[in-house]
C-alpha atoms as a PDB file:
ATOM      1  CA  TYR A   1      -0.123   0.414   0.074  1.00  0.00           C
ATOM      2  CA  GLY A   2       1.047   3.671  -0.486  1.00  0.00           C
ATOM      3  CA  TYR A   3      -0.328   6.337   1.886  1.00  0.00           C
ATOM      4  CA  LEU A   4      -0.336  10.214   1.157  1.00  0.00           C
ATOM      5  CA  PRO A   5       1.778  12.000   1.649  1.00  0.00           C
ATOM      6  CA  SER A   6       3.758   9.190  -0.040  1.00  0.00           C
ATOM      7  CA  GLU A   7       7.397   9.722  -1.557  1.00  0.00           C
ATOM      8  CA  PHE A   8       6.543   6.710  -3.690  1.00  0.00           C
ATOM      9  CA  ALA A   9       2.842   7.637  -4.533  1.00  0.00           C
ATOM     10  CA  SER A  10       4.193  11.127  -5.642  1.00  0.00           C
ATOM     11  CA  LYS A  11       6.618   9.583  -8.520  1.00  0.00           C
ATOM     12  CA  LEU A  12       3.860   7.987  -9.907  1.00  0.00           C
ATOM     13  CA  GLY A  13       2.136  11.251  -9.986  1.00  0.00           C
ATOM     14  CA  ILE A  14      -0.752  10.107  -7.937  1.00  0.00           C
ATOM     15  CA  SER A  15      -2.940  13.140  -7.125  1.00  0.00           C
ATOM     16  CA  GLN A  16      -3.537  13.729  -3.415  1.00  0.00           C
ATOM     17  CA  THR A  17      -7.468  13.778  -4.422  1.00  0.00           C
ATOM     18  CA  MET A  18      -6.668  10.009  -4.950  1.00  0.00           C
ATOM     19  CA  GLY A  19      -5.687   9.316  -1.504  1.00  0.00           C
ATOM     20  CA  ARG A  20      -3.468   5.967  -1.870  1.00  0.00           C
ATOM     21  CA  ILE A  21      -2.791   3.394  -4.173  1.00  0.00           C
ATOM     22  CA  SER A  22      -2.674  -0.488  -3.089  1.00  0.00           C
ATOM     23  CA  PHE A  23      -1.642  -4.113  -3.775  1.00  0.00           C
ATOM     24  CA  PRO A  24      -3.802  -6.038  -4.746  1.00  0.00           C
ATOM     25  CA  ASP A  25      -6.697  -3.925  -5.604  1.00  0.00           C
ATOM     26  CA  TYR A  26      -8.058  -1.695  -3.192  1.00  0.00           C
ATOM     27  CA  LYS A  27     -11.422  -2.850  -1.395  1.00  0.00           C
ATOM     28  CA  VAL A  28     -13.649  -0.446   0.824  1.00  0.00           C
ATOM     29  CA  GLY A  29     -13.473  -1.335   4.144  1.00  0.00           C
ATOM     30  CA  CYS A  30     -12.000  -0.302   7.335  1.00  0.00           C
ATOM     31  CA  ALA A  31     -10.435  -2.133  10.074  1.00  0.00           C
ATOM     32  CA  SER A  32      -9.526  -0.139  13.316  1.00  0.00           C
ATOM     33  CA  VAL A  33      -6.836  -2.796  14.533  1.00  0.00           C
ATOM     34  CA  VAL A  34      -4.718  -1.217  11.517  1.00  0.00           C
ATOM     35  CA  ALA A  35      -4.033   2.027  13.176  1.00  0.00           C
ATOM     36  CA  GLN A  36      -0.537   2.925  11.825  1.00  0.00           C
ATOM     37  CA  SER A  37       1.214   2.679   8.193  1.00  0.00           C
ATOM     38  CA  PRO A  38       4.408   3.436   7.329  1.00  0.00           C
ATOM     39  CA  TYR A  39       3.983   6.571   5.820  1.00  0.00           C
ATOM     40  CA  GLY A  40       1.990   8.198   8.511  1.00  0.00           C
ATOM     41  CA  PRO A  41      -0.970   8.321  10.433  1.00  0.00           C
ATOM     42  CA  ARG A  42      -4.533   7.288   9.013  1.00  0.00           C
ATOM     43  CA  THR A  43      -7.835   6.564  10.044  1.00  0.00           C
ATOM     44  CA  CYS A  44      -9.318   3.654   7.655  1.00  0.00           C
ATOM     45  CA  ASP A  45      -7.693   0.748   5.646  1.00  0.00           C
ATOM     46  CA  ILE A  46      -8.930  -2.897   5.123  1.00  0.00           C
ATOM     47  CA  PRO A  47      -7.104  -5.515   6.728  1.00  0.00           C
ATOM     48  CA  PRO A  48      -3.199  -7.136   5.642  1.00  0.00           C
ATOM     49  CA  THR A  49      -3.815  -9.007   2.561  1.00  0.00           C
ATOM     50  CA  VAL A  50      -1.712 -12.383   2.063  1.00  0.00           C
ATOM     51  CA  ILE A  51      -0.034 -12.435  -1.292  1.00  0.00           C
ATOM     52  CA  TYR A  52      -0.149 -15.638  -2.704  1.00  0.00           C
ATOM     53  CA  LYS A  53       2.872 -17.530  -4.436  1.00  0.00           C
ATOM     54  CA  ILE A  54       1.908 -19.589  -7.489  1.00  0.00           C
ATOM     55  CA  ARG A  55       3.957 -22.402  -9.219  1.00  0.00           C
ATOM     56  CA  ARG A  56       3.376 -25.112 -12.020  1.00  0.00           C
ATOM     57  CA  HIS A  57       1.626 -28.651 -10.898  1.00  0.00           C
ATOM     58  CA  ASP A  58       4.297 -30.067 -12.815  1.00  0.00           C
ATOM     59  CA  LEU A  59       7.043 -28.403 -11.665  1.00  0.00           C
ATOM     60  CA  ALA A  60       7.594 -30.785  -8.741  1.00  0.00           C
ATOM     61  CA  ALA A  61       7.836 -33.641 -11.131  1.00  0.00           C
ATOM     62  CA  LYS A  62      10.445 -31.610 -13.789  1.00  0.00           C
ATOM     63  CA  ALA A  63      12.045 -29.864 -10.963  1.00  0.00           C
ATOM     64  CA  PRO A  64      11.125 -30.510  -7.520  1.00  0.00           C
ATOM     65  CA  GLU A  65      14.086 -28.836  -5.743  1.00  0.00           C
ATOM     66  CA  ALA A  66      12.841 -25.629  -7.592  1.00  0.00           C
ATOM     67  CA  ALA A  67       9.389 -26.251  -6.385  1.00  0.00           C
ATOM     68  CA  TYR A  68      10.580 -26.963  -2.768  1.00  0.00           C
ATOM     69  CA  VAL A  69      12.386 -23.227  -3.022  1.00  0.00           C
ATOM     70  CA  ILE A  70       9.247 -21.994  -4.158  1.00  0.00           C
ATOM     71  CA  ASP A  71       6.719 -23.294  -2.140  1.00  0.00           C
ATOM     72  CA  ASN A  72       9.237 -22.097   1.051  1.00  0.00           C
ATOM     73  CA  LEU A  73      10.338 -19.058  -0.486  1.00  0.00           C
ATOM     74  CA  GLN A  74       9.577 -16.189   2.230  1.00  0.00           C
ATOM     75  CA  ILE A  75       9.235 -12.423   1.069  1.00  0.00           C
ATOM     76  CA  SER A  76       9.152  -9.344   3.562  1.00  0.00           C
ATOM     77  CA  PRO A  77       7.111  -6.371   2.373  1.00  0.00           C
ATOM     78  CA  GLU A  78      10.050  -4.169   2.277  1.00  0.00           C
ATOM     79  CA  GLN A  79      11.046  -7.043  -0.782  1.00  0.00           C
ATOM     80  CA  VAL A  80       7.510  -6.610  -1.998  1.00  0.00           C
ATOM     81  CA  GLU A  81       7.978  -3.185  -2.188  1.00  0.00           C
ATOM     82  CA  LEU A  82      11.555  -3.245  -3.944  1.00  0.00           C
ATOM     83  CA  MET A  83      10.034  -5.726  -6.943  1.00  0.00           C
ATOM     84  CA  LEU A  84       7.095  -3.128  -7.374  1.00  0.00           C
ATOM     85  CA  LYS A  85       9.395  -0.678  -7.867  1.00  0.00           C
ATOM     86  CA  MET A  86      11.103  -2.424 -10.515  1.00  0.00           C
ATOM     87  CA  HIS A  87       7.958  -3.288 -12.397  1.00  0.00           C
ATOM     88  CA  GLU A  88       6.775  -1.494 -15.221  1.00  0.00           C
ATOM     89  CA  GLY A  89       3.362  -1.452 -13.471  1.00  0.00           C
ATOM     90  CA  GLY A  90       5.031   0.017 -10.404  1.00  0.00           C
ATOM     91  CA  GLY A  91       7.261   2.886 -12.119  1.00  0.00           C
ATOM     92  CA  GLY A  92       9.829   0.625 -13.283  1.00  0.00           C
ATOM     93  CA  ASN A  93      11.035  -0.725 -16.536  1.00  0.00           C
ATOM     94  CA  LEU A  94      11.032  -4.489 -16.057  1.00  0.00           C
ATOM     95  CA  THR A  95       9.048  -7.103 -17.019  1.00  0.00           C
ATOM     96  CA  THR A  96       7.713  -9.565 -14.465  1.00  0.00           C
ATOM     97  CA  GLU A  97      10.224 -12.134 -15.556  1.00  0.00           C
ATOM     98  CA  GLN A  98      13.091  -9.522 -15.472  1.00  0.00           C
ATOM     99  CA  THR A  99      11.760  -8.284 -12.038  1.00  0.00           C
ATOM    100  CA  ALA A 100      11.841 -11.563 -10.707  1.00  0.00           C
ATOM    101  CA  CYS A 101      15.789 -12.264 -11.989  1.00  0.00           C
ATOM    102  CA  GLU A 102      16.730  -8.937 -10.920  1.00  0.00           C
ATOM    103  CA  PHE A 103      15.046  -9.032  -7.488  1.00  0.00           C
ATOM    104  CA  LEU A 104      17.004 -12.322  -7.057  1.00  0.00           C
ATOM    105  CA  LYS A 105      20.134 -11.021  -8.354  1.00  0.00           C
ATOM    106  CA  GLN A 106      20.243  -8.197  -5.401  1.00  0.00           C
ATOM    107  CA  GLN A 107      18.683 -10.612  -2.950  1.00  0.00           C
ATOM    108  CA  PRO A 108      20.533 -13.958  -3.023  1.00  0.00           C
ATOM    109  CA  ASP A 109      19.596 -14.975   0.692  1.00  0.00           C
ATOM    110  CA  VAL A 110      15.695 -15.272   0.044  1.00  0.00           C
ATOM    111  CA  VAL A 111      16.473 -18.010  -1.977  1.00  0.00           C
ATOM    112  CA  LEU A 112      19.358 -19.484   0.228  1.00  0.00           C
ATOM    113  CA  LYS A 113      17.445 -19.545   3.118  1.00  0.00           C
ATOM    114  CA  ALA A 114      14.859 -21.229   1.330  1.00  0.00           C
ATOM    115  CA  VAL A 115      16.856 -24.056   0.204  1.00  0.00           C
ATOM    116  CA  PRO A 116      17.696 -26.672   3.079  1.00  0.00           C
ATOM    117  CA  GLU A 117      21.063 -27.991   4.070  1.00  0.00           C
ATOM    118  CA  CYS A 118      20.051 -31.634   2.443  1.00  0.00           C
ATOM    119  CA  ILE A 119      19.948 -30.233  -0.852  1.00  0.00           C
ATOM    120  CA  THR A 120      22.750 -27.491  -0.685  1.00  0.00           C
ATOM    121  CA  ASN A 121      25.600 -30.162   1.209  1.00  0.00           C
ATOM    122  CA  PRO A 122      24.181 -33.447   0.262  1.00  0.00           C
ATOM    123  CA  ILE A 123      25.684 -36.449   2.174  1.00  0.00           C
ATOM    124  CA  GLN A 124      27.689 -38.319  -0.481  1.00  0.00           C
ATOM    125  CA  ASN A 125      26.877 -41.958   0.932  1.00  0.00           C
ATOM    126  CA  PRO A 126      24.210 -41.644   3.364  1.00  0.00           C
ATOM    127  CA  LYS A 127      23.073 -44.453   5.700  1.00  0.00           C
ATOM    128  CA  ILE A 128      20.566 -45.125   7.951  1.00  0.00           C
ATOM    129  CA  GLY A 129      19.779 -42.113  10.057  1.00  0.00           C
ATOM    130  CA  ASP A 130      20.842 -39.401   7.661  1.00  0.00           C
ATOM    131  CA  VAL A 131      18.767 -36.642   6.620  1.00  0.00           C
ATOM    132  CA  VAL A 132      18.689 -36.783   2.648  1.00  0.00           C
ATOM    133  CA  TRP A 133      16.447 -34.853  -0.268  1.00  0.00           C
ATOM    134  CA  ASN A 134      13.295 -36.781  -1.085  1.00  0.00           C
ATOM    135  CA  ALA A 135      11.923 -35.904  -4.335  1.00  0.00           C
ATOM    136  CA  ALA A 136       8.780 -37.513  -4.139  1.00  0.00           C
ATOM    137  CA  GLU A 137       7.729 -35.895  -0.903  1.00  0.00           C
ATOM    138  CA  LEU A 138       9.191 -32.481  -1.684  1.00  0.00           C
ATOM    139  CA  SER A 139      11.354 -32.348   1.557  1.00  0.00           C
ATOM    140  CA  CYS A 140      13.992 -33.465   3.592  1.00  0.00           C
ATOM    141  CA  GLN A 141      13.712 -36.493   5.197  1.00  0.00           C
ATOM    142  CA  GLN A 142      15.695 -38.625   7.649  1.00  0.00           C
ATOM    143  CA  LEU A 143      16.487 -42.053   6.457  1.00  0.00           C
ATOM    144  CA  PHE A 144      14.698 -45.070   8.177  1.00  0.00           C
ATOM    145  CA  CYS A 145      13.864 -48.497   6.928  1.00  0.00           C
ATOM    146  CA  PRO A 146      12.244 -51.420   9.622  1.00  0.00           C
ATOM    147  CA  LYS A 147      14.508 -53.847  10.899  1.00  0.00           C
ATOM    148  CA  ASN A 148      14.176 -56.478   8.531  1.00  0.00           C
ATOM    149  CA  GLN A 149      14.331 -54.536   5.363  1.00  0.00           C
ATOM    150  CA  VAL A 150      17.208 -52.460   3.783  1.00  0.00           C
ATOM    151  CA  LEU A 151      17.607 -49.061   2.227  1.00  0.00           C
ATOM    152  CA  ILE A 152      17.588 -48.395  -1.301  1.00  0.00           C
ATOM    153  CA  TYR A 153      18.479 -44.722  -1.919  1.00  0.00           C
ATOM    154  CA  ASP A 154      19.093 -43.241  -5.745  1.00  0.00           C
ATOM    155  CA  SER A 155      20.936 -40.105  -5.170  1.00  0.00           C
ATOM    156  CA  ALA A 156      20.657 -38.633  -8.392  1.00  0.00           C
ATOM    157  CA  ALA A 157      16.617 -38.707  -8.538  1.00  0.00           C
ATOM    158  CA  GLY A 158      16.141 -38.277  -4.980  1.00  0.00           C
ATOM    159  CA  LEU A 159      13.911 -41.570  -4.131  1.00  0.00           C
ATOM    160  CA  ILE A 160      13.825 -43.930  -1.343  1.00  0.00           C
ATOM    161  CA  ARG A 161      12.454 -47.234  -0.622  1.00  0.00           C
ATOM    162  CA  CYS A 162      13.097 -50.042   1.740  1.00  0.00           C
ATOM    163  CA  ARG A 163      12.674 -53.383   0.723  1.00  0.00           C
ATOM    164  CA  GLU A 164      12.837 -57.194   2.391  1.00  0.00           C
ATOM    165  CA  CYS A 165      15.744 -59.344   1.454  1.00  0.00           C
ATOM    166  CA  LYS A 166      13.498 -62.302   1.602  1.00  0.00           C
ATOM    167  CA  GLN A 167      11.517 -60.974  -0.876  1.00  0.00           C
ATOM    168  CA  GLU A 168      14.256 -60.466  -3.605  1.00  0.00           C
ATOM    169  CA  ASN A 169      17.342 -62.465  -2.067  1.00  0.00           C
ATOM    170  CA  ALA A 170      16.157 -65.528  -0.271  1.00  0.00           C
ATOM    171  CA  GLY A 171      18.154 -66.614   2.401  1.00  0.00           C
ATOM    172  CA  THR A 172      19.165 -63.026   2.957  1.00  0.00           C
ATOM    173  CA  VAL A 173      18.603 -60.815   5.876  1.00  0.00           C
ATOM    174  CA  PRO A 174      19.724 -56.625   6.251  1.00  0.00           C
ATOM    175  CA  SER A 175      23.643 -56.058   7.179  1.00  0.00           C
ATOM    176  CA  PRO A 176      23.839 -54.276  10.291  1.00  0.00           C
ATOM    177  CA  ASP A 177      23.827 -50.802   8.757  1.00  0.00           C
ATOM    178  CA  GLN A 178      20.766 -51.964   6.821  1.00  0.00           C
ATOM    179  CA  MET A 179      22.462 -51.152   3.497  1.00  0.00           C
ATOM    180  CA  SER A 180      22.716 -54.661   1.546  1.00  0.00           C
ATOM    181  CA  CYS A 181      21.813 -58.396   2.051  1.00  0.00           C
ATOM    182  CA  MET A 182      23.640 -60.584   3.675  1.00  0.00           C
ATOM    183  CA  PRO A 183      23.379 -64.205   3.296  1.00  0.00           C
ATOM    184  CA  CYS A 184      22.720 -66.492   6.150  1.00  0.00           C
ATOM    185  CA  PRO A 185      25.597 -68.623   6.905  1.00  0.00           C
ATOM    186  CA  ALA A 186      25.319 -72.554   6.785  1.00  0.00           C
ATOM    187  CA  GLY A 187      23.082 -73.865   9.803  1.00  0.00           C
ATOM    188  CA  SER A 188      21.272 -70.712  10.247  1.00  0.00           C
ATOM    189  CA  GLU A 189      18.102 -69.665   8.231  1.00  0.00           C
ATOM    190  CA  PRO A 190      16.564 -66.154   8.045  1.00  0.00           C
ATOM    191  CA  ASP A 191      14.135 -65.693  11.379  1.00  0.00           C
ATOM    192  CA  SER A 192      10.047 -65.135  10.908  1.00  0.00           C
ATOM    193  CA  GLU A 193      10.415 -61.401  10.643  1.00  0.00           C
ATOM    194  CA  GLY A 194      13.725 -61.382   8.106  1.00  0.00           C
ATOM    195  CA  ALA A 195      15.350 -58.981  10.410  1.00  0.00           C
ATOM    196  CA  LYS A 196      18.316 -61.660  11.423  1.00  0.00           C
ATOM    197  CA  CYS A 197      19.421 -65.266  11.080  1.00  0.00           C
ATOM    198  CA  GLN A 198      18.704 -67.761  13.610  1.00  0.00           C
ATOM    199  CA  ALA A 199      20.134 -71.241  14.013  1.00  0.00           C
ATOM    200  CA  CYS A 200      18.632 -74.364  12.403  1.00  0.00           C
ATOM    201  CA  PRO A 201      16.985 -76.029  15.751  1.00  0.00           C
ATOM    202  CA  PRO A 202      18.055 -79.894  16.399  1.00  0.00           C
ATOM    203  CA  GLY A 203      16.600 -82.302  14.141  1.00  0.00           C
ATOM    204  CA  ARG A 204      17.204 -79.640  11.092  1.00  0.00           C
ATOM    205  CA  TYR A 205      19.903 -78.516   9.127  1.00  0.00           C
ATOM    206  CA  ALA A 206      20.910 -75.847   6.428  1.00  0.00           C
ATOM    207  CA  PRO A 207      23.768 -77.643   3.698  1.00  0.00           C
ATOM    208  CA  GLU A 208      24.936 -73.973   2.647  1.00  0.00           C
ATOM    209  CA  ALA A 209      24.804 -70.024   3.119  1.00  0.00           C
ATOM    210  CA  ALA A 210      21.713 -68.628   1.834  1.00  0.00           C
ATOM    211  CA  THR A 211      19.406 -71.298   2.628  1.00  0.00           C
ATOM    212  CA  PRO A 212      16.055 -70.011   2.749  1.00  0.00           C
ATOM    213  CA  GLN A 213      14.593 -72.510   5.232  1.00  0.00           C
ATOM    214  CA  CYS A 214      16.698 -75.633   7.461  1.00  0.00           C
ATOM    215  CA  GLN A 215      15.422 -78.666   6.225  1.00  0.00           C
ATOM    216  CA  ALA A 216      14.484 -82.039   8.086  1.00  0.00           C
ATOM    217  CA  CYS A 217      17.104 -84.536   8.508  1.00  0.00           C
ATOM    218  CA  PRO A 218      16.335 -86.954   5.823  1.00  0.00           C
ATOM    219  CA  GLN A 219      15.046 -90.404   7.217  1.00  0.00           C
ATOM    220  CA  GLY A 220      17.847 -92.371   8.083  1.00  0.00           C
ATOM    221  CA  GLU A 221      19.691 -89.596   9.723  1.00  0.00           C
ATOM    222  CA  TYR A 222      19.525 -87.307  12.911  1.00  0.00           C
ATOM    223  CA  ASN A 223      20.998 -84.320  14.437  1.00  0.00           C
ATOM    224  CA  PRO A 224      20.710 -83.674  18.391  1.00  0.00           C
ATOM    225  CA  LEU A 225      22.535 -79.958  18.166  1.00  0.00           C
ATOM    226  CA  ARG A 226      21.601 -76.580  16.710  1.00  0.00           C
ATOM    227  CA  ASN A 227      23.447 -74.311  14.098  1.00  0.00           C
ATOM    228  CA  GLN A 228      24.381 -77.491  12.029  1.00  0.00           C
ATOM    229  CA  SER A 229      24.928 -77.579   8.080  1.00  0.00           C
ATOM    230  CA  ARG A 230      24.486 -81.335   8.292  1.00  0.00           C
ATOM    231  CA  CYS A 231      23.132 -84.419   9.671  1.00  0.00           C
ATOM    232  CA  ALA A 232      24.437 -87.878  10.781  1.00  0.00           C
ATOM    233  CA  VAL A 233      24.035 -91.489   9.520  1.00  0.00           C
ATOM    234  CA  CYS A 234      21.782 -93.259  12.504  1.00  0.00           C
ATOM    235  CA  PRO A 235      24.230 -95.876  14.242  1.00  0.00           C
ATOM    236  CA  PHE A 236      23.872 -99.568  12.986  1.00  0.00           C
ATOM    237  CA  GLY A 237      22.044-100.994  15.290  1.00  0.00           C
ATOM    238  CA  ALA A 238      19.468 -97.848  15.380  1.00  0.00           C
ATOM    239  CA  HIS A 239      16.515 -96.085  14.104  1.00  0.00           C
ATOM    240  CA  CYS A 240      16.333 -92.685  13.505  1.00  0.00           C
ATOM    241  CA  TYR A 241      12.501 -91.112  13.881  1.00  0.00           C
ATOM    242  CA  GLY A 242      12.199 -88.529  11.378  1.00  0.00           C
ATOM    243  CA  GLY A 243      12.477 -87.763   7.336  1.00  0.00           C
ATOM    244  CA  PHE A 244       8.718 -87.387   6.493  1.00  0.00           C
ATOM    245  CA  ASN A 245       6.570 -84.891   7.284  1.00  0.00           C
ATOM    246  CA  GLY A 246       8.968 -82.471   7.910  1.00  0.00           C
ATOM    247  CA  THR A 247      10.324 -83.758  10.653  1.00  0.00           C
ATOM    248  CA  GLY A 248      13.425 -84.345  11.629  1.00  0.00           C
ATOM    249  CA  ALA A 249      15.407 -86.684  14.075  1.00  0.00           C
ATOM    250  CA  THR A 250      16.946 -85.080  17.074  1.00  0.00           C
ATOM    251  CA  SER A 251      18.372 -88.894  18.528  1.00  0.00           C
ATOM    252  CA  PHE A 252      18.331 -92.436  17.972  1.00  0.00           C
ATOM    253  CA  TYR A 253      16.745 -95.118  19.814  1.00  0.00           C
ATOM    254  CA  ALA A 254      17.795 -99.213  19.886  1.00  0.00           C
ATOM    255  CA  ASP A 255      16.639-101.712  17.425  1.00  0.00           C
ATOM    256  CA  GLU A 256      14.907-105.239  18.322  1.00  0.00           C
ATOM    257  CA  GLY A 257      17.821-106.952  19.207  1.00  0.00           C
ATOM    258  CA  PHE A 258      19.650-104.338  20.505  1.00  0.00           C
ATOM    259  CA  TYR A 259      20.231-101.900  23.776  1.00  0.00           C
ATOM    260  CA  LEU A 260      21.186 -98.498  24.111  1.00  0.00           C
ATOM    261  CA  LEU A 261      23.129 -97.451  27.603  1.00  0.00           C
ATOM    262  CA  GLY A 262      22.166 -93.733  27.787  1.00  0.00           C
ATOM    263  CA  SER A 263      19.203 -91.191  27.698  1.00  0.00           C
ATOM    264  CA  ASP A 264      18.584 -88.478  25.077  1.00  0.00           C
ATOM    265  CA  GLU A 265      20.720 -85.929  26.864  1.00  0.00           C
ATOM    266  CA  ASP A 266      23.726 -88.805  27.140  1.00  0.00           C
ATOM    267  CA  VAL A 267      23.097 -88.901  22.962  1.00  0.00           C
ATOM    268  CA  THR A 268      23.642 -85.176  22.853  1.00  0.00           C
ATOM    269  CA  ARG A 269      26.693 -84.923  24.940  1.00  0.00           C
ATOM    270  CA  GLU A 270      28.365 -88.098  23.179  1.00  0.00           C
ATOM    271  CA  PHE A 271      27.574 -86.743  19.903  1.00  0.00           C
ATOM    272  CA  GLU A 272      28.810 -83.200  20.641  1.00  0.00           C
ATOM    273  CA  ALA A 273      32.064 -84.646  21.583  1.00  0.00           C
ATOM    274  CA  LYS A 274      32.059 -87.262  18.938  1.00  0.00           C
ATOM    275  CA  MET A 275      31.649 -85.063  15.983  1.00  0.00           C
ATOM    276  CA  SER A 276      34.056 -81.780  17.126  1.00  0.00           C
ATOM    277  CA  THR A 277      36.795 -84.046  17.005  1.00  0.00           C
ATOM    278  CA  CYS A 278      35.720 -86.513  14.186  1.00  0.00           C
ATOM    279  CA  ALA A 279      34.902 -85.315  10.657  1.00  0.00           C
ATOM    280  CA  ASP A 280      34.330 -88.511   8.844  1.00  0.00           C
ATOM    281  CA  CYS A 281      31.998 -89.862  11.787  1.00  0.00           C
ATOM    282  CA  TRP A 282      28.622 -87.869  10.159  1.00  0.00           C
ATOM    283  CA  ARG A 283      28.918 -90.529   7.742  1.00  0.00           C
ATOM    284  CA  SER A 284      29.390 -93.373   9.579  1.00  0.00           C
ATOM    285  CA  ASP A 285      27.198 -95.799  11.154  1.00  0.00           C
ATOM    286  CA  ALA A 286      29.218 -97.195  13.761  1.00  0.00           C
ATOM    287  CA  PRO A 287      27.985 -97.201  17.177  1.00  0.00           C
ATOM    288  CA  PHE A 288      28.932 -95.218  20.343  1.00  0.00           C
ATOM    289  CA  ASP A 289      31.651 -96.513  22.457  1.00  0.00           C
ATOM    290  CA  ALA A 290      30.348 -95.861  25.524  1.00  0.00           C
ATOM    291  CA  LEU A 291      26.512 -95.516  24.385  1.00  0.00           C
ATOM    292  CA  GLY A 292      26.080 -98.573  21.668  1.00  0.00           C
ATOM    293  CA  PRO A 293      23.888 -99.577  20.682  1.00  0.00           C
ATOM    294  CA  PHE A 294      25.112-102.943  21.848  1.00  0.00           C
ATOM    295  CA  GLU A 295      23.709-106.185  20.594  1.00  0.00           C
ATOM    296  CA  CYS A 296      21.912-108.003  23.525  1.00  0.00           C
ATOM    297  CA  SER A 297      23.202-111.345  24.221  1.00  0.00           C
ATOM    298  CA  VAL A 298      19.918-112.724  23.989  1.00  0.00           C
ATOM    299  CA  ARG A 299      18.788-110.727  20.953  1.00  0.00           C
ATOM    300  CA  SER A 300      14.764-111.739  21.413  1.00  0.00           C
ATOM    301  CA  ALA A 301      14.856-110.459  25.018  1.00  0.00           C
ATOM    302  CA  CYS A 302      15.722-106.927  23.644  1.00  0.00           C
ATOM    303  CA  LEU A 303      12.260-105.832  21.917  1.00  0.00           C
ATOM    304  CA  GLY A 304      13.477-102.593  20.906  1.00  0.00           C
ATOM    305  CA  ASN A 305      13.690 -99.307  22.466  1.00  0.00           C
ATOM    306  CA  ASN A 306      15.275-100.301  25.581  1.00  0.00           C
ATOM    307  CA  SER A 307      12.195-102.657  26.077  1.00  0.00           C
ATOM    308  CA  CYS A 308      12.705-106.036  27.435  1.00  0.00           C
ATOM    309  CA  LEU A 309      10.644-109.120  27.306  1.00  0.00           C
ATOM    310  CA  VAL A 310       7.453-109.967  28.467  1.00  0.00           C
ATOM    311  CA  VAL A 311       5.910-113.057  29.537  1.00  0.00           C
ATOM    312  CA  GLU A 312       2.160-113.699  29.565  1.00  0.00           C
ATOM    313  CA  GLY A 313       1.895-109.952  30.489  1.00  0.00           C
ATOM    314  CA  GLU A 314       5.034-110.023  33.280  1.00  0.00           C
ATOM    315  CA  LEU A 315       8.293-108.249  32.812  1.00  0.00           C
ATOM    316  CA  ALA A 316      10.361-111.423  32.411  1.00  0.00           C
ATOM    317  CA  MET A 317      14.130-109.584  31.795  1.00  0.00           C
ATOM    318  CA  ASP A 318      15.513-106.382  32.778  1.00  0.00           C
ATOM    319  CA  GLY A 319      18.546-104.774  33.167  1.00  0.00           C
ATOM    320  CA  PRO A 320      21.448-103.558  30.364  1.00  0.00           C
ATOM    321  CA  LEU A 321      20.906-105.486  27.232  1.00  0.00           C
ATOM    322  CA  CYS A 322      17.879-106.894  28.890  1.00  0.00           C
ATOM    323  CA  GLY A 323      20.193-109.509  30.545  1.00  0.00           C
ATOM    324  CA  SER A 324      18.737-110.505  33.709  1.00  0.00           C
ATOM    325  CA  CYS A 325      15.674-112.535  34.923  1.00  0.00           C
ATOM    326  CA  THR A 326      13.310-110.634  36.692  1.00  0.00           C
ATOM    327  CA  LYS A 327      11.894-112.138  39.939  1.00  0.00           C
ATOM    328  CA  GLY A 328       9.795-115.358  39.579  1.00  0.00           C
ATOM    329  CA  PHE A 329      11.736-116.279  36.414  1.00  0.00           C
ATOM    330  CA  GLN A 330      14.817-118.318  35.312  1.00  0.00           C
ATOM    331  CA  ARG A 331      16.660-119.826  32.476  1.00  0.00           C
ATOM    332  CA  SER A 332      18.756-123.012  31.643  1.00  0.00           C
ATOM    333  CA  SER A 333      21.216-121.185  29.921  1.00  0.00           C
ATOM    334  CA  PRO A 334      22.751-117.624  29.170  1.00  0.00           C
ATOM    335  CA  ASP A 335      21.709-118.240  25.782  1.00  0.00           C
ATOM    336  CA  GLU A 336      18.344-118.411  26.480  1.00  0.00           C
ATOM    337  CA  PRO A 337      15.698-115.756  27.215  1.00  0.00           C
ATOM    338  CA  CYS A 338      14.159-116.110  30.836  1.00  0.00           C
END
């Protein structure tokens, strides 16, 4: 607005009877809250009017950084007056485009204040937690991905997205910095969320790195330990339950005619001690020295799974290798059952 007496209005040749010029166009009205003008006292005025910035809608796609600057550009009333003085409609000799260019030459800080640091000083190799330019959102954003995803950042296009490793690289999980996918080592698999590797449970194994899912030990094999890349052959004189319907054997049990001197816990302990020192033992069906399975001296006395002979509903033999007669039973020779 220009108020009389006004040096600026006088230069435009506005007479005292007109009283004022205004931008935007003057509208009749009074606003008592606006008591003073920059050019002296007056009694009546309309409320302050917002001057809107206008930009092309497609500028966001063609030049997103420029669209951001225009959206965030802030110009003071004094700077608006400066542009009006330059413009041919306000007494100057410049067109609209020329006025804009000349203003920015004289007031470069106006643009610099509107440009964020993520554009003026971009991080060369951004990582999770850094603030970068996101062209799709026309804003600076802190890089973040859920713990089961990795960051895909196109610095040239300013595009950010996250993806799950298991969708494109089965058997992999995000690296610690979430910037790439890394394979789970042999003997492990991605957890249910795909966020980290977890050891294969007993009875299952992962033969190589980047195995999408631990596999059940095949029929005739077993594995009582976690985090294994293979299963062992079931010992001679024993059977291993598993290898079908997705189940895997974690131990072995005596066949008919054989007896096992130990529990599942004993098998696990002896297995770990033996396999840690004997690489070839994984494919050997030799019995364990302390556990067996051992062949029973009276084969018919050992019914399998360490069960001993029952006669007419009563236990006839028991003890290690089912080698003893129970009370009320006897035998004529060591080679015969009770």
